[in-house]
Amino acid sequence: SSPRWFGGLPMCHGAGGLAGQHRFGARTNLSIIVLGTIKFILGMCLSAAILQIFRYFPQGILAALLAVSSFELAIASRTAMTEGGDSARMCLLTACFTLFFNTAVGFCAGLVCA
């Protein structure tokens, strides 16, 4: 099996958010569209009130959600690493270039390797 070209997108904040949403049941494009629409409407209408709520939101809950997202992403990378030679090489090359240079260089190196 050949590695997918765009398997690393979205990166950074988007990857954790999508992994968390997938883990908690979002399986279709409609779920992302509905979530985005709700966030947009709430942001446009109630942004000051929501900001006050977020200031008092328990950080322990946020930490738990972040942990679930990180485990979901780790499971996906473990699957890629155990598929075989090409996928493992691509993951390691991308990780090394991202670590030693930056995310854009790592992404391009993974894209070339794919």
Protein backbone atom coordinates (compact mmCIF):
# COMPACT_ATOMS: atom_id res chain seq x y z
CA SER A 1 0.00 0.00 0.00
CA SER A 2 1.27 3.44 -0.86
CA PRO A 3 1.22 6.29 1.67
CA ARG A 4 -1.38 8.98 1.19
CA TRP A 5 -0.05 12.33 0.00
CA PHE A 6 -2.09 14.55 2.26
CA GLY A 7 -2.14 12.35 5.37
CA GLY A 8 -0.35 15.04 7.39
CA LEU A 9 -2.93 17.76 6.80
CA PRO A 10 -4.18 19.59 8.77
CA MET A 11 -1.17 20.17 10.95
CA CYS A 12 -0.67 21.75 14.36
CA HIS A 13 -3.90 22.94 16.04
CA GLY A 14 -6.19 21.57 13.34
CA ALA A 15 -4.87 18.03 13.63
CA GLY A 16 -5.60 17.76 17.35
CA GLY A 17 -9.05 19.26 16.92
CA LEU A 18 -10.03 16.91 14.13
CA ALA A 19 -8.60 13.91 15.97
CA GLY A 20 -10.61 14.83 19.06
CA GLN A 21 -13.77 15.35 17.06
CA HIS A 22 -13.29 12.01 15.33
CA ARG A 23 -12.66 10.26 18.65
CA PHE A 24 -15.87 11.69 20.10
CA GLY A 25 -18.01 10.61 17.15
CA ALA A 26 -17.71 13.11 14.26
CA ARG A 27 -17.46 10.92 11.15
CA THR A 28 -18.80 13.03 8.28
CA ASN A 29 -18.17 16.40 6.68
CA LEU A 30 -21.53 17.57 7.97
CA SER A 31 -20.34 17.38 11.58
CA ILE A 32 -17.46 19.77 10.83
CA ILE A 33 -19.74 22.14 8.91
CA VAL A 34 -22.28 22.20 11.76
CA LEU A 35 -19.55 22.78 14.36
CA GLY A 36 -18.01 25.59 12.29
CA THR A 37 -21.40 27.23 11.76
CA ILE A 38 -22.23 27.08 15.47
CA LYS A 39 -18.82 28.53 16.41
CA PHE A 40 -19.19 31.31 13.84
CA ILE A 41 -22.66 32.31 15.04
CA LEU A 42 -21.67 32.18 18.72
CA GLY A 43 -18.54 34.20 17.99
CA MET A 44 -20.44 36.87 16.10
CA CYS A 45 -23.30 37.17 18.61
CA LEU A 46 -21.95 36.26 22.05
CA SER A 47 -18.17 36.73 21.89
CA ALA A 48 -17.83 38.81 25.08
CA ALA A 49 -19.95 36.41 27.15
CA ILE A 50 -18.14 33.37 25.80
CA LEU A 51 -14.79 34.94 26.61
CA GLN A 52 -15.89 35.31 30.24
CA ILE A 53 -17.00 31.67 30.32
CA PHE A 54 -13.66 30.51 28.90
CA ARG A 55 -11.76 32.39 31.58
CA TYR A 56 -13.39 30.21 34.24
CA PHE A 57 -13.43 26.94 32.29
CA PRO A 58 -11.59 24.21 34.24
CA GLN A 59 -8.13 23.62 32.80
CA GLY A 60 -8.28 19.98 33.89
CA ILE A 61 -11.06 19.33 31.38
CA LEU A 62 -9.03 20.98 28.62
CA ALA A 63 -6.02 18.85 29.59
CA ALA A 64 -8.11 15.68 29.39
CA LEU A 65 -9.41 16.62 25.94
CA LEU A 66 -5.86 17.37 24.78
CA ALA A 67 -4.69 13.99 26.08
CA VAL A 68 -7.46 12.19 24.17
CA SER A 69 -6.52 14.05 20.98
CA SER A 70 -2.84 13.24 21.40
CA PHE A 71 -3.59 9.53 21.90
CA GLU A 72 -5.76 9.56 18.77
CA LEU A 73 -2.92 11.09 16.76
CA ALA A 74 -0.42 8.62 18.25
CA ILE A 75 -2.61 5.69 17.20
CA ALA A 76 -2.69 7.01 13.63
CA SER A 77 1.09 7.40 13.48
CA ARG A 78 1.62 3.96 15.04
CA THR A 79 -0.54 2.47 12.29
CA ALA A 80 1.58 4.22 9.65
CA MET A 81 4.81 3.04 11.28
CA THR A 82 3.73 -0.62 11.34
CA GLU A 83 2.48 -0.75 7.73
CA GLY A 84 5.90 -1.40 6.33
CA GLY A 85 9.04 0.16 4.96
CA ASP A 86 7.78 3.04 2.83
CA SER A 87 5.33 4.42 5.37
CA ALA A 88 7.83 4.12 8.22
CA ARG A 89 10.55 5.86 6.19
CA MET A 90 8.19 8.65 5.23
CA CYS A 91 7.09 9.19 8.86
CA LEU A 92 10.66 9.20 10.17
CA LEU A 93 11.94 11.49 7.41
CA THR A 94 9.08 13.94 7.97
CA ALA A 95 9.58 13.88 11.74
CA CYS A 96 13.34 14.47 11.46
CA PHE A 97 13.03 17.34 8.97
CA THR A 98 10.27 18.93 11.06
CA LEU A 99 12.31 18.59 14.24
CA PHE A 100 15.61 19.88 12.84
CA PHE A 101 14.28 22.53 10.41
CA ASN A 102 10.62 23.56 10.57
CA THR A 103 7.12 22.32 9.80
CA ALA A 104 7.08 23.54 6.20
CA VAL A 105 10.38 21.82 5.36
CA GLY A 106 9.20 18.63 7.09
CA PHE A 107 5.93 18.69 5.18
CA CYS A 108 7.73 19.15 1.85
CA ALA A 109 10.18 16.35 2.65
CA GLY A 110 7.31 14.01 3.49
CA LEU A 111 5.49 15.02 0.34
CA VAL A 112 8.58 14.29 -1.79
CA CYS A 113 9.06 10.96 -0.01
CA ALA A 114 5.43 9.99 -0.59
